[in-house]
Amino acid sequence: MKIEFSDHAIAQLGNRPRIKRDMVIEAIQLPDGATVSYRNRTLYRKNFKGETLEVVTVSEDDTIIVITQYFLDENP
């Protein structure tokens, strides 16, 4: 499966310097959990040093497209 980043996801990597491209790829390839969400998007979650990274994706043919990525606020 090929992984591509949307323009928005690339821009968000620049705005969220703690999140690295390789972390996003690891979250997709080796997630701690994954769920199907709104509009058939998949949410992948992966723990990194006590924080949960969530990656929002959509699949097209044999490609996973990253829409955005962020750390979840576990303590609202």
C-alpha atoms as a PDB file:
ATOM      1  CA  MET A   1       0.000   0.000   0.000  1.00  0.00           C
ATOM      2  CA  LYS A   2       1.358   3.377  -1.014  1.00  0.00           C
ATOM      3  CA  ILE A   3       1.097   6.323   1.428  1.00  0.00           C
ATOM      4  CA  GLU A   4       0.660   9.887   0.149  1.00  0.00           C
ATOM      5  CA  PHE A   5       0.241  13.158   2.041  1.00  0.00           C
ATOM      6  CA  SER A   6      -2.402  15.713   1.071  1.00  0.00           C
ATOM      7  CA  ASP A   7      -1.365  19.357   0.776  1.00  0.00           C
ATOM      8  CA  HIS A   8      -3.171  20.003   4.065  1.00  0.00           C
ATOM      9  CA  ALA A   9      -1.294  17.192   5.837  1.00  0.00           C
ATOM     10  CA  ILE A  10       2.041  18.534   4.572  1.00  0.00           C
ATOM     11  CA  ALA A  11       1.154  22.047   5.762  1.00  0.00           C
ATOM     12  CA  GLN A  12       0.166  20.662   9.168  1.00  0.00           C
ATOM     13  CA  LEU A  13       3.521  18.899   9.504  1.00  0.00           C
ATOM     14  CA  GLY A  14       5.084  22.346   9.220  1.00  0.00           C
ATOM     15  CA  ASN A  15       2.684  23.764  11.820  1.00  0.00           C
ATOM     16  CA  ARG A  16       3.165  20.862  14.233  1.00  0.00           C
ATOM     17  CA  PRO A  17       6.929  20.355  14.485  1.00  0.00           C
ATOM     18  CA  ARG A  18       6.659  17.603  17.148  1.00  0.00           C
ATOM     19  CA  ILE A  19       5.010  15.375  14.548  1.00  0.00           C
ATOM     20  CA  LYS A  20       7.423  13.910  12.024  1.00  0.00           C
ATOM     21  CA  ARG A  21       6.577  12.303   8.708  1.00  0.00           C
ATOM     22  CA  ASP A  22       8.058   8.963   9.817  1.00  0.00           C
ATOM     23  CA  MET A  23       5.811   8.989  12.927  1.00  0.00           C
ATOM     24  CA  VAL A  24       2.745   9.354  10.698  1.00  0.00           C
ATOM     25  CA  ILE A  25       3.878   6.469   8.498  1.00  0.00           C
ATOM     26  CA  GLU A  26       4.569   4.293  11.563  1.00  0.00           C
ATOM     27  CA  ALA A  27       1.105   5.074  12.945  1.00  0.00           C
ATOM     28  CA  ILE A  28      -0.426   3.808   9.693  1.00  0.00           C
ATOM     29  CA  GLN A  29       1.783   0.740   9.285  1.00  0.00           C
ATOM     30  CA  LEU A  30       1.919  -0.315  12.971  1.00  0.00           C
ATOM     31  CA  PRO A  31      -1.061   1.303  14.706  1.00  0.00           C
ATOM     32  CA  ASP A  32      -2.080   0.715  18.302  1.00  0.00           C
ATOM     33  CA  GLY A  33      -5.651   1.032  17.027  1.00  0.00           C
ATOM     34  CA  ALA A  34      -7.671   1.983  13.972  1.00  0.00           C
ATOM     35  CA  THR A  35     -11.333   2.849  13.449  1.00  0.00           C
ATOM     36  CA  VAL A  36     -13.491   3.733  10.484  1.00  0.00           C
ATOM     37  CA  SER A  37     -15.013   7.187  10.819  1.00  0.00           C
ATOM     38  CA  TYR A  38     -17.135   9.748   9.025  1.00  0.00           C
ATOM     39  CA  ARG A  39     -17.143   9.581   5.212  1.00  0.00           C
ATOM     40  CA  ASN A  40     -15.303   6.262   5.262  1.00  0.00           C
ATOM     41  CA  ARG A  41     -12.123   7.769   6.683  1.00  0.00           C
ATOM     42  CA  THR A  42      -9.809   5.674   8.809  1.00  0.00           C
ATOM     43  CA  LEU A  43      -8.366   7.023  12.051  1.00  0.00           C
ATOM     44  CA  TYR A  44      -5.080   5.432  13.063  1.00  0.00           C
ATOM     45  CA  ARG A  45      -3.765   5.905  16.603  1.00  0.00           C
ATOM     46  CA  LYS A  46      -0.240   5.321  17.865  1.00  0.00           C
ATOM     47  CA  ASN A  47       1.334   6.123  21.211  1.00  0.00           C
ATOM     48  CA  PHE A  48       4.619   8.040  21.137  1.00  0.00           C
ATOM     49  CA  LYS A  49       6.262   8.768  24.499  1.00  0.00           C
ATOM     50  CA  GLY A  50       2.966   8.873  26.351  1.00  0.00           C
ATOM     51  CA  GLU A  51       1.078  10.916  23.749  1.00  0.00           C
ATOM     52  CA  THR A  52      -1.411   9.528  21.257  1.00  0.00           C
ATOM     53  CA  LEU A  53      -0.939  10.542  17.641  1.00  0.00           C
ATOM     54  CA  GLU A  54      -4.083  10.322  15.511  1.00  0.00           C
ATOM     55  CA  VAL A  55      -3.756  10.172  11.731  1.00  0.00           C
ATOM     56  CA  VAL A  56      -6.833  10.739   9.552  1.00  0.00           C
ATOM     57  CA  THR A  57      -6.722   8.985   6.177  1.00  0.00           C
ATOM     58  CA  VAL A  58      -8.822   8.024   3.216  1.00  0.00           C
ATOM     59  CA  SER A  59      -8.103   5.113   0.860  1.00  0.00           C
ATOM     60  CA  GLU A  60      -8.208   5.351  -2.911  1.00  0.00           C
ATOM     61  CA  ASP A  61      -7.407   2.209  -4.897  1.00  0.00           C
ATOM     62  CA  ASP A  62      -4.044   0.993  -3.529  1.00  0.00           C
ATOM     63  CA  THR A  63      -3.115   4.328  -1.896  1.00  0.00           C
ATOM     64  CA  ILE A  64      -3.643   5.651   1.620  1.00  0.00           C
ATOM     65  CA  ILE A  65      -3.922   9.441   1.596  1.00  0.00           C
ATOM     66  CA  VAL A  66      -3.111  11.248   4.841  1.00  0.00           C
ATOM     67  CA  ILE A  67      -5.603  14.064   5.399  1.00  0.00           C
ATOM     68  CA  THR A  68      -4.226  15.375   8.704  1.00  0.00           C
ATOM     69  CA  GLN A  69      -2.450  14.318  11.876  1.00  0.00           C
ATOM     70  CA  TYR A  70      -2.456  15.606  15.456  1.00  0.00           C
ATOM     71  CA  PHE A  71      -1.821  14.607  19.048  1.00  0.00           C
ATOM     72  CA  LEU A  72      -5.000  13.912  20.993  1.00  0.00           C
ATOM     73  CA  ASP A  73      -5.665  16.047  24.047  1.00  0.00           C
ATOM     74  CA  GLU A  74      -5.944  13.301  26.642  1.00  0.00           C
ATOM     75  CA  ASN A  75      -6.525  15.781  29.508  1.00  0.00           C
ATOM     76  CA  PRO A  76      -9.260  18.208  28.431  1.00  0.00           C
END
